[in-house]
Amino acid sequence: MQELETLSSPADIVSETKRLLYIESYGCAMNFSDSEIIGSIMSENGFDYTQNEFEADVVFLNTCAIRDNAEQKIRDRLKHLKNNKRKNSDLIIGVLGCMAERLKTKLLEEEKLVDIVAGPDSYRDLPKLVAEVENGNKAINVLLSREETYAEISPLRLNTNGISAFVSIMRGCDNMCSFCVVPFTRGRERSRDPQTIIQEVQTLSEAGYKEITLLGQNVDSYLWFGGGPKIEYKHLTDEQKNSSVNFAQLLEMVAVVNPNMRVRFSTSHPKDITDDVLLTMKKYDNICKHIHLPAQSGSSRILDTMNRTYTREWYFDKVKRIREIMPECTISCDIIVGFCGETEEDHQETITLMQASKFIFSYMYKYSERPGTLAQKKMTDDVPEEVKSRRLSEIIDVQNKISLENNLKMVGKTVRVLADSYSKKSKEDLCGRNDQNNMVVFPKANHQIGDFVEVVIEKVSSTTLIGKSIV
């Protein structure tokens, strides 16, 4: 999953004396979605919410562990929370999510400030864990589940703009990429009951939401056949096959809920996205024509050591197929530089893959060794830090050039934009994304946040399309 900016999301808390809880979410979209599940669970157990951390009785940090830098952010944040604890000795601090799952009891030992440690599958237990701390104990639950999907829980929309919402369709990951800690922090893949997904989408539609994003570590491997751990389609019984729902079918079910509500999804694994998914995208106008398709590397040799299960040529074929079916579809990517054993030749192959694929944007990172992964156990992190930094700078320059070239082709064209916020530079301008996931800025005029607006593009930067609305 691609990483988001850190965002404080409130959610309140406890009991007859009206105690307050504050949640901060870090990392990927799945964590932000999980915080809404947490908010709902706490609300159902008598909790209120606050946006002010200084009035909170309980602070939850919902964490990421995908890179060391993500964990260091949490440790730094805990240092700042010491002042809150000094002012309120009864303050309860919990670390939730992937970092909690990875470190388990070590987190309680290393960070004396932490009272609660809870993994991604133990959020139903949070009210009980808070009660344990109130009784003078530290509290922990990091048990991973093969069934938990929080399917019937209606998320409490935190910090929402009332326009766009995340809808989680599955949890966990079975891919076992050698660099990735997610299978160890989020457990095995399991898909959510499609009827609960459709009900959630229907509820969002009735509440006036204009756009939803279906979330999963690998949405294309979504498969519902009645619950329980994921089984490969070929191993299903005939009865299970007849009643099963795959991602293409789910995508269609979601699209027809409200033809005026835009549908996005993230993230796709190149090995799993099928023609059925692409044809469904083409069929429905409200399914956005954008696919996030992480390559991670452009070198077949490095892809093999990453255990990505495809080659450079296979990735090119998939990109070609997407554009055959939907010429207007944009593609974005994740790239890791400096993975174990990466040579200059491997690095250059990543650059040429980026240039040939013409990604609309990429999330680009230096390799960060994660404890417990296959790479950490069996490979050597042998690319010097200064080389990683130089290679990262080079691919950022390449992507900026590609993005600018892509955007220049949009000048003079008209795009449909969902205005979801004011421009960062001026309250006189609105901004939002078009169906292809370009960021578009235009004068507010008579339009409001939440409007779909036709915008003709007049100029561009490498990151933004700038234009004016057609009134």
Protein backbone atom coordinates (compact mmCIF):
# COMPACT_ATOMS: atom_id res chain seq x y z
CA MET A 1 0.00 0.00 0.00
CA GLN A 2 1.25 3.53 -0.70
CA GLU A 3 2.12 5.71 2.33
CA LEU A 4 0.07 8.77 3.34
CA GLU A 5 1.06 11.88 5.23
CA THR A 6 0.73 11.68 9.01
CA LEU A 7 -2.69 12.94 10.03
CA SER A 8 -4.22 13.36 13.43
CA SER A 9 -7.57 11.63 13.65
CA PRO A 10 -9.51 12.11 16.84
CA ALA A 11 -11.62 9.56 18.55
CA ASP A 12 -12.89 9.79 22.07
CA ILE A 13 -13.42 7.64 25.03
CA VAL A 14 -14.64 6.22 28.10
CA SER A 15 -17.23 5.82 30.70
CA GLU A 16 -19.70 7.65 32.81
CA THR A 17 -17.24 10.46 33.56
CA LYS A 18 -16.87 11.20 29.85
CA ARG A 19 -13.20 10.59 29.24
CA LEU A 20 -11.64 11.50 25.94
CA LEU A 21 -9.49 9.61 23.44
CA TYR A 22 -7.28 11.04 20.71
CA ILE A 23 -5.98 8.91 17.78
CA GLU A 24 -3.08 9.65 15.48
CA SER A 25 -2.68 7.53 12.34
CA TYR A 26 0.60 6.92 10.52
CA GLY A 27 1.52 5.15 7.30
CA CYS A 28 -0.75 3.69 4.68
CA ALA A 29 -4.43 4.17 3.91
CA MET A 30 -5.22 0.88 5.66
CA ASN A 31 -4.09 2.38 8.96
CA PHE A 32 -6.35 5.38 8.50
CA SER A 33 -9.22 3.02 7.76
CA ASP A 34 -8.36 0.96 10.84
CA SER A 35 -8.50 4.09 13.01
CA GLU A 36 -12.12 4.51 11.94
CA ILE A 37 -12.79 0.93 13.03
CA ILE A 38 -11.13 1.71 16.37
CA GLY A 39 -13.24 4.84 16.72
CA SER A 40 -16.41 2.84 16.14
CA ILE A 41 -15.48 0.15 18.66
CA MET A 42 -14.67 2.73 21.32
CA SER A 43 -17.84 4.70 20.57
CA GLU A 44 -19.95 1.56 20.99
CA ASN A 45 -18.36 1.10 24.39
CA GLY A 46 -19.30 4.53 25.69
CA PHE A 47 -16.36 6.60 24.50
CA ASP A 48 -16.42 10.12 23.07
CA TYR A 49 -13.81 11.80 20.87
CA THR A 50 -11.62 14.89 20.85
CA GLN A 51 -9.40 16.64 18.36
CA ASN A 52 -7.32 18.12 21.18
CA GLU A 53 -4.58 15.79 22.39
CA PHE A 54 -4.01 17.93 25.49
CA GLU A 55 -7.49 17.28 26.87
CA ALA A 56 -7.32 13.55 26.12
CA ASP A 57 -7.35 10.90 28.83
CA VAL A 58 -6.23 8.26 26.33
CA VAL A 59 -3.94 8.68 23.31
CA PHE A 60 -3.67 5.95 20.67
CA LEU A 61 -0.89 6.00 18.05
CA ASN A 62 -1.87 3.75 15.14
CA THR A 63 1.49 2.86 13.69
CA CYS A 64 3.36 1.71 10.60
CA ALA A 65 6.39 -0.61 10.51
CA ILE A 66 7.14 -0.81 6.80
CA ARG A 67 10.38 1.19 7.17
CA ASP A 68 12.65 2.03 10.07
CA ASN A 69 11.95 5.71 9.52
CA ALA A 70 8.25 5.08 10.19
CA GLU A 71 9.04 3.52 13.57
CA GLN A 72 11.44 6.33 14.48
CA LYS A 73 8.59 8.81 13.96
CA ILE A 74 6.58 6.95 16.59
CA ARG A 75 9.48 6.90 19.06
CA ASP A 76 9.97 10.64 18.56
CA ARG A 77 6.25 11.21 19.04
CA LEU A 78 6.30 9.26 22.31
CA LYS A 79 9.04 11.54 23.59
CA HIS A 80 6.80 14.55 22.96
CA LEU A 81 3.94 12.84 24.77
CA LYS A 82 5.96 12.78 28.00
CA ASN A 83 4.83 16.35 28.64
CA ASN A 84 1.20 15.28 28.30
CA LYS A 85 1.85 12.52 30.80
CA ARG A 86 3.48 14.94 33.25
CA LYS A 87 0.44 17.20 33.14
CA ASN A 88 -1.98 14.27 33.44
CA SER A 89 -0.50 11.37 35.40
CA ASP A 90 -3.58 9.27 34.62
CA LEU A 91 -3.09 9.64 30.86
CA ILE A 92 -3.15 6.25 29.08
CA ILE A 93 -0.94 5.89 26.00
CA GLY A 94 -1.40 3.03 23.56
CA VAL A 95 0.65 2.00 20.55
CA LEU A 96 -1.47 0.10 18.03
CA GLY A 97 -0.99 -1.42 14.60
CA CYS A 98 2.01 -2.79 12.76
CA MET A 99 4.80 -1.48 14.99
CA ALA A 100 2.96 -2.87 18.02
CA GLU A 101 2.61 -6.24 16.29
CA ARG A 102 6.28 -6.35 15.32
CA LEU A 103 7.76 -5.38 18.70
CA LYS A 104 5.11 -6.87 21.02
CA THR A 105 6.28 -6.88 24.68
CA LYS A 106 9.59 -5.24 23.71
CA LEU A 107 7.66 -2.05 23.10
CA LEU A 108 6.45 -1.99 26.70
CA GLU A 109 10.00 -2.64 27.89
CA GLU A 110 11.69 -0.10 25.60
CA GLU A 111 9.12 2.68 25.89
CA LYS A 112 8.19 2.96 29.56
CA LEU A 113 5.59 5.58 28.64
CA VAL A 114 3.46 3.03 26.75
CA ASP A 115 0.58 1.42 28.66
CA ILE A 116 -1.18 -0.52 25.86
CA VAL A 117 0.19 -2.51 22.93
CA ALA A 118 -2.40 -3.83 20.47
CA GLY A 119 -1.95 -5.45 17.06
CA PRO A 120 -4.19 -4.95 14.00
CA ASP A 121 -6.43 -7.92 14.80
CA SER A 122 -7.11 -7.06 18.46
CA TYR A 123 -9.03 -3.78 18.23
CA ARG A 124 -12.24 -5.33 19.57
CA ASP A 125 -10.30 -5.87 22.79
CA LEU A 126 -9.31 -2.21 23.27
CA PRO A 127 -12.00 -1.28 25.84
CA LYS A 128 -10.90 -4.24 27.95
CA LEU A 129 -7.22 -3.26 27.58
CA VAL A 130 -8.02 0.29 28.74
CA ALA A 131 -9.81 -1.16 31.78
CA GLU A 132 -6.74 -3.27 32.61
CA VAL A 133 -4.55 -0.15 32.63
CA GLU A 134 -7.08 1.66 34.81
CA ASN A 135 -6.62 -1.21 37.28
CA GLY A 136 -2.88 -0.54 37.42
CA ASN A 137 -1.56 -3.00 34.84
CA LYS A 138 0.14 -2.78 31.47
CA ALA A 139 -2.02 -4.35 28.73
CA ILE A 140 -1.16 -6.18 25.51
CA ASN A 141 -2.92 -8.17 22.80
CA VAL A 142 -0.99 -8.94 19.63
CA LEU A 143 -2.67 -12.17 18.58
CA LEU A 144 -3.09 -12.41 14.82
CA SER A 145 -6.31 -13.87 13.45
CA ARG A 146 -7.09 -15.86 10.32
CA GLU A 147 -10.73 -14.78 10.37
CA GLU A 148 -10.95 -11.18 11.68
CA THR A 149 -12.11 -8.65 9.08
CA TYR A 150 -14.21 -6.32 11.30
CA ALA A 151 -16.82 -6.92 8.59
CA GLU A 152 -19.94 -5.89 10.51
CA ILE A 153 -18.43 -2.82 12.18
CA SER A 154 -19.57 0.48 10.70
CA PRO A 155 -16.50 2.76 10.76
CA LEU A 156 -16.72 6.04 12.65
CA ARG A 157 -15.64 8.53 9.98
CA LEU A 158 -12.87 10.50 11.67
CA ASN A 159 -11.57 13.82 10.40
CA THR A 160 -13.75 13.29 7.34
CA ASN A 161 -14.47 15.84 4.64
CA GLY A 162 -17.78 14.09 3.99
CA ILE A 163 -16.75 13.58 0.36
CA SER A 164 -14.25 10.72 0.14
CA ALA A 165 -14.03 7.58 2.27
CA PHE A 166 -11.98 4.40 2.56
CA VAL A 167 -13.68 1.00 2.52
CA SER A 168 -11.56 -1.95 3.61
CA ILE A 169 -12.34 -5.13 1.64
CA MET A 170 -9.68 -7.49 2.98
CA ARG A 171 -6.88 -7.80 5.50
CA GLY A 172 -3.41 -9.31 5.55
CA CYS A 173 -1.12 -10.48 2.76
CA ASP A 174 0.12 -13.83 1.46
CA ASN A 175 2.72 -12.62 -1.02
CA MET A 176 5.81 -12.84 1.21
CA CYS A 177 7.95 -10.34 -0.67
CA SER A 178 11.40 -10.73 0.83
CA PHE A 179 11.69 -7.05 1.84
CA CYS A 180 8.25 -6.69 3.41
CA VAL A 181 7.15 -6.98 7.03
CA VAL A 182 3.39 -6.77 6.32
CA PRO A 183 2.64 -10.54 6.37
CA PHE A 184 4.20 -10.67 9.84
CA THR A 185 2.41 -7.60 11.21
CA ARG A 186 -0.99 -8.02 9.53
CA GLY A 187 -1.18 -11.78 9.11
CA ARG A 188 -2.56 -13.94 6.33
CA GLU A 189 -4.98 -12.78 3.65
CA ARG A 190 -8.70 -12.97 4.36
CA SER A 191 -11.50 -11.32 2.46
CA ARG A 192 -14.49 -9.53 3.87
CA ASP A 193 -18.09 -10.60 3.23
CA PRO A 194 -19.13 -8.72 0.06
CA GLN A 195 -22.60 -7.99 1.42
CA THR A 196 -21.12 -6.03 4.33
CA ILE A 197 -18.96 -4.10 1.84
CA ILE A 198 -21.96 -3.24 -0.31
CA GLN A 199 -23.91 -2.19 2.77
CA GLU A 200 -21.09 0.12 3.83
CA VAL A 201 -20.90 1.62 0.34
CA GLN A 202 -24.68 2.08 0.31
CA THR A 203 -24.54 3.85 3.68
CA LEU A 204 -21.81 6.18 2.40
CA SER A 205 -23.84 6.91 -0.72
CA GLU A 206 -26.92 7.76 1.33
CA ALA A 207 -24.78 10.04 3.52
CA GLY A 208 -23.77 12.04 0.45
CA TYR A 209 -20.22 10.77 -0.10
CA LYS A 210 -19.03 11.29 -3.67
CA GLU A 211 -16.05 8.91 -3.81
CA ILE A 212 -14.88 5.70 -2.16
CA THR A 213 -11.57 3.84 -2.28
CA LEU A 214 -11.59 0.06 -1.83
CA LEU A 215 -8.57 -0.94 0.26
CA GLY A 216 -6.47 -4.06 0.62
CA GLN A 217 -2.80 -4.98 0.68
CA ASN A 218 -3.53 -6.71 -2.64
CA VAL A 219 -7.12 -6.04 -3.74
CA ASP A 220 -6.84 -8.19 -6.86
CA SER A 221 -6.53 -11.35 -4.77
CA TYR A 222 -9.86 -10.62 -3.04
CA LEU A 223 -11.91 -13.84 -2.96
CA TRP A 224 -14.98 -14.48 -0.85
CA PHE A 225 -16.41 -17.97 -0.63
CA GLY A 226 -18.07 -17.98 2.76
CA GLY A 227 -15.38 -16.85 5.16
CA GLY A 228 -12.32 -18.28 6.84
CA PRO A 229 -8.70 -18.29 5.62
CA LYS A 230 -8.07 -17.71 1.95
CA ILE A 231 -7.99 -20.77 -0.31
CA GLU A 232 -6.80 -20.74 -3.93
CA TYR A 233 -9.71 -20.81 -6.36
CA LYS A 234 -8.63 -24.18 -7.78
CA HIS A 235 -8.96 -25.72 -4.29
CA LEU A 236 -12.52 -24.51 -3.70
CA THR A 237 -15.38 -26.99 -3.76
CA ASP A 238 -17.92 -26.69 -6.58
CA GLU A 239 -20.39 -25.20 -4.12
CA GLN A 240 -17.84 -22.61 -2.99
CA LYS A 241 -16.98 -21.73 -6.60
CA ASN A 242 -20.63 -21.18 -7.47
CA SER A 243 -21.09 -18.78 -4.56
CA SER A 244 -17.64 -17.14 -4.63
CA VAL A 245 -17.00 -13.46 -5.41
CA ASN A 246 -13.69 -12.30 -6.90
CA PHE A 247 -12.41 -8.74 -7.15
CA ALA A 248 -13.78 -8.06 -10.63
CA GLN A 249 -17.23 -9.14 -9.47
CA LEU A 250 -16.99 -7.10 -6.26
CA LEU A 251 -15.87 -4.05 -8.22
CA GLU A 252 -18.98 -4.32 -10.40
CA MET A 253 -21.23 -4.78 -7.37
CA VAL A 254 -19.79 -1.61 -5.85
CA ALA A 255 -19.99 0.39 -9.09
CA VAL A 256 -23.73 -0.19 -9.51
CA VAL A 257 -24.61 0.99 -5.98
CA ASN A 258 -24.56 4.59 -7.20
CA PRO A 259 -23.44 5.39 -10.77
CA ASN A 260 -22.72 8.96 -9.64
CA MET A 261 -20.27 7.94 -6.90
CA ARG A 262 -16.66 7.50 -8.02
CA VAL A 263 -14.88 4.25 -7.18
CA ARG A 264 -11.13 3.84 -6.72
CA PHE A 265 -9.08 0.94 -5.39
CA SER A 266 -5.61 0.28 -4.01
CA THR A 267 -3.29 -1.58 -4.14
CA SER A 268 -2.87 -3.96 -7.11
CA HIS A 269 -0.17 -6.62 -7.32
CA PRO A 270 1.05 -6.94 -10.93
CA LYS A 271 0.78 -10.74 -10.83
CA ASP A 272 -2.90 -10.72 -9.84
CA ILE A 273 -4.67 -7.96 -11.75
CA THR A 274 -6.77 -9.66 -14.44
CA ASP A 275 -8.42 -8.76 -17.72
CA ASP A 276 -11.77 -9.18 -15.94
CA VAL A 277 -10.83 -6.34 -13.59
CA LEU A 278 -9.67 -4.16 -16.49
CA LEU A 279 -12.83 -4.84 -18.51
CA THR A 280 -14.98 -4.02 -15.50
CA MET A 281 -13.13 -0.73 -15.11
CA LYS A 282 -13.76 0.03 -18.76
CA LYS A 283 -17.44 -0.88 -18.51
CA TYR A 284 -18.34 1.54 -15.71
CA ASP A 285 -17.76 5.27 -16.09
CA ASN A 286 -17.72 5.80 -12.32
CA ILE A 287 -14.74 3.48 -11.81
CA CYS A 288 -11.72 5.77 -12.01
CA LYS A 289 -9.24 5.03 -14.75
CA HIS A 290 -6.15 4.84 -12.60
CA ILE A 291 -4.22 1.83 -11.29
CA HIS A 292 -1.51 1.85 -8.64
CA LEU A 293 0.75 -1.00 -9.82
CA PRO A 294 3.93 -1.27 -7.72
CA ALA A 295 6.89 -2.57 -9.71
CA GLN A 296 9.45 -2.10 -6.87
CA SER A 297 12.33 -2.61 -9.34
CA GLY A 298 12.97 -2.68 -13.09
CA SER A 299 15.51 -5.48 -12.88
CA SER A 300 14.33 -9.08 -13.30
CA ARG A 301 17.23 -10.24 -11.15
CA ILE A 302 16.28 -7.95 -8.29
CA LEU A 303 12.57 -8.77 -8.70
CA ASP A 304 13.51 -12.42 -8.24
CA THR A 305 15.43 -11.73 -5.02
CA MET A 306 12.48 -9.62 -3.86
CA ASN A 307 10.21 -12.64 -4.51
CA ARG A 308 7.87 -10.51 -6.62
CA THR A 309 7.09 -13.56 -8.86
CA TYR A 310 7.22 -11.65 -12.16
CA THR A 311 9.90 -10.35 -14.50
CA ARG A 312 10.61 -6.99 -16.06
CA GLU A 313 9.13 -8.25 -19.36
CA TRP A 314 6.01 -9.54 -17.61
CA TYR A 315 5.46 -6.13 -16.02
CA PHE A 316 5.82 -4.43 -19.41
CA ASP A 317 3.21 -6.81 -20.84
CA LYS A 318 0.80 -5.95 -18.03
CA VAL A 319 1.25 -2.21 -18.61
CA LYS A 320 0.69 -2.78 -22.34
CA ARG A 321 -2.50 -4.75 -21.65
CA ILE A 322 -3.91 -2.06 -19.36
CA ARG A 323 -3.42 0.54 -22.09
CA GLU A 324 -4.83 -1.72 -24.79
CA ILE A 325 -8.08 -2.01 -22.87
CA MET A 326 -8.13 1.53 -21.44
CA PRO A 327 -5.87 3.94 -23.36
CA GLU A 328 -6.88 6.75 -20.99
CA CYS A 329 -5.88 4.82 -17.86
CA THR A 330 -2.97 6.22 -15.84
CA ILE A 331 -0.58 4.06 -13.84
CA SER A 332 1.40 4.91 -10.71
CA CYS A 333 4.12 2.91 -9.04
CA ASP A 334 6.21 2.09 -5.96
CA ILE A 335 9.99 1.91 -6.41
CA ILE A 336 12.64 0.73 -3.93
CA VAL A 337 16.27 1.61 -4.63
CA GLY A 338 19.31 -0.02 -3.06
CA PHE A 339 17.83 -3.46 -2.38
CA CYS A 340 20.28 -6.20 -1.46
CA GLY A 341 22.80 -6.76 -4.25
CA GLU A 342 21.44 -4.01 -6.53
CA THR A 343 24.08 -2.99 -9.08
CA GLU A 344 24.32 0.11 -11.27
CA GLU A 345 23.01 -2.00 -14.15
CA ASP A 346 19.97 -3.02 -12.06
CA HIS A 347 19.43 0.63 -11.16
CA GLN A 348 19.54 1.67 -14.81
CA GLU A 349 16.94 -0.99 -15.62
CA THR A 350 14.64 0.58 -13.04
CA ILE A 351 15.11 3.95 -14.73
CA THR A 352 14.32 2.53 -18.18
CA LEU A 353 11.24 0.75 -16.80
CA MET A 354 10.01 4.06 -15.40
CA GLN A 355 10.67 5.85 -18.69
CA ALA A 356 8.89 3.19 -20.75
CA SER A 357 5.90 2.88 -18.39
CA LYS A 358 5.37 6.66 -18.11
CA PHE A 359 4.04 6.52 -14.56
CA ILE A 360 1.83 9.43 -13.59
CA PHE A 361 3.68 9.47 -10.24
CA SER A 362 5.70 7.11 -8.09
CA TYR A 363 6.28 6.57 -4.39
CA MET A 364 10.06 6.18 -4.19
CA TYR A 365 12.12 4.93 -1.26
CA LYS A 366 15.53 3.75 -0.20
CA TYR A 367 15.58 0.12 0.93
CA SER A 368 15.18 -0.18 4.69
CA GLU A 369 15.98 -3.57 6.18
CA ARG A 370 13.14 -4.83 8.38
CA PRO A 371 13.72 -7.38 11.16
CA GLY A 372 12.14 -10.77 10.58
CA THR A 373 11.87 -10.54 6.80
CA LEU A 374 13.52 -13.05 4.45
CA ALA A 375 15.87 -10.32 3.22
CA GLN A 376 17.02 -9.57 6.76
CA LYS A 377 17.53 -13.26 7.55
CA LYS A 378 19.22 -14.44 4.35
CA MET A 379 20.55 -11.44 2.45
CA THR A 380 23.08 -8.69 3.02
CA ASP A 381 22.05 -5.05 2.99
CA ASP A 382 25.20 -4.26 1.01
CA VAL A 383 24.40 -1.08 -0.93
CA PRO A 384 26.09 1.86 0.85
CA GLU A 385 23.80 4.54 2.20
CA GLU A 386 25.34 7.25 0.05
CA VAL A 387 24.72 5.11 -3.06
CA LYS A 388 21.09 4.56 -2.04
CA SER A 389 20.66 8.31 -1.59
CA ARG A 390 22.19 9.09 -4.96
CA ARG A 391 20.05 6.49 -6.75
CA LEU A 392 16.91 7.76 -5.01
CA SER A 393 17.72 11.30 -6.13
CA GLU A 394 18.19 10.06 -9.69
CA ILE A 395 14.85 8.24 -9.92
CA ILE A 396 13.06 11.22 -8.35
CA ASP A 397 14.52 13.41 -11.10
CA VAL A 398 13.44 10.87 -13.72
CA GLN A 399 9.90 10.69 -12.33
CA ASN A 400 9.60 14.48 -12.14
CA LYS A 401 10.56 14.73 -15.80
CA ILE A 402 8.08 12.00 -16.81
CA SER A 403 5.31 13.58 -14.74
CA LEU A 404 5.89 16.97 -16.36
CA GLU A 405 5.85 15.42 -19.85
CA ASN A 406 2.60 13.61 -19.03
CA ASN A 407 1.02 16.77 -17.64
CA LEU A 408 2.04 18.96 -20.58
CA LYS A 409 -0.06 16.71 -22.81
CA MET A 410 -3.10 17.71 -20.74
CA VAL A 411 -2.91 21.41 -21.64
CA GLY A 412 -6.05 22.41 -23.51
CA LYS A 413 -8.00 19.32 -22.43
CA THR A 414 -11.10 19.34 -20.24
CA VAL A 415 -11.20 17.08 -17.17
CA ARG A 416 -13.86 16.26 -14.60
CA VAL A 417 -12.66 17.04 -11.08
CA LEU A 418 -14.13 16.23 -7.67
CA ALA A 419 -13.31 19.32 -5.58
CA ASP A 420 -12.36 18.01 -2.14
CA SER A 421 -10.44 20.89 -0.52
CA TYR A 422 -9.09 24.39 -0.88
CA SER A 423 -5.73 24.90 -2.54
CA LYS A 424 -2.85 25.07 -0.07
CA LYS A 425 -1.84 28.41 -1.54
CA SER A 426 -5.19 30.20 -1.61
CA LYS A 427 -8.74 29.87 -0.32
CA GLU A 428 -9.78 31.42 -3.63
CA ASP A 429 -8.82 28.18 -5.40
CA LEU A 430 -10.27 24.67 -5.09
CA CYS A 431 -8.40 21.47 -5.77
CA GLY A 432 -9.22 17.83 -6.34
CA ARG A 433 -8.45 14.88 -8.58
CA ASN A 434 -9.77 13.85 -11.94
CA ASP A 435 -10.65 10.26 -12.88
CA GLN A 436 -7.01 9.61 -13.83
CA ASN A 437 -5.84 10.76 -10.37
CA ASN A 438 -4.18 13.99 -11.51
CA MET A 439 -4.25 16.79 -8.95
CA VAL A 440 -6.11 19.77 -10.43
CA VAL A 441 -6.29 23.35 -9.08
CA PHE A 442 -8.79 25.93 -10.35
CA PRO A 443 -10.45 29.19 -9.19
CA LYS A 444 -13.32 28.64 -6.78
CA ALA A 445 -15.77 30.98 -8.56
CA ASN A 446 -19.27 29.70 -7.69
CA HIS A 447 -18.19 26.12 -6.97
CA GLN A 448 -18.11 24.42 -3.58
CA ILE A 449 -16.11 21.63 -2.01
CA GLY A 450 -17.93 18.42 -2.96
CA ASP A 451 -18.86 19.57 -6.47
CA PHE A 452 -17.91 17.74 -9.65
CA VAL A 453 -16.44 20.44 -11.90
CA GLU A 454 -15.44 20.48 -15.56
CA VAL A 455 -12.03 22.16 -15.78
CA VAL A 456 -10.07 23.12 -18.88
CA ILE A 457 -6.32 22.83 -18.27
CA GLU A 458 -4.28 25.96 -19.03
CA LYS A 459 -0.86 25.24 -17.49
CA VAL A 460 0.90 22.56 -15.47
CA SER A 461 3.74 21.67 -13.14
CA SER A 462 5.23 18.22 -12.60
CA THR A 463 2.68 17.56 -9.86
CA THR A 464 -0.39 19.64 -10.71
CA LEU A 465 -2.76 20.58 -13.51
CA ILE A 466 -3.95 24.20 -13.33
CA GLY A 467 -7.00 25.49 -15.15
CA LYS A 468 -10.37 27.17 -14.98
CA SER A 469 -13.85 25.78 -14.64
CA ILE A 470 -16.33 25.69 -17.48
CA VAL A 471 -19.39 27.32 -15.93
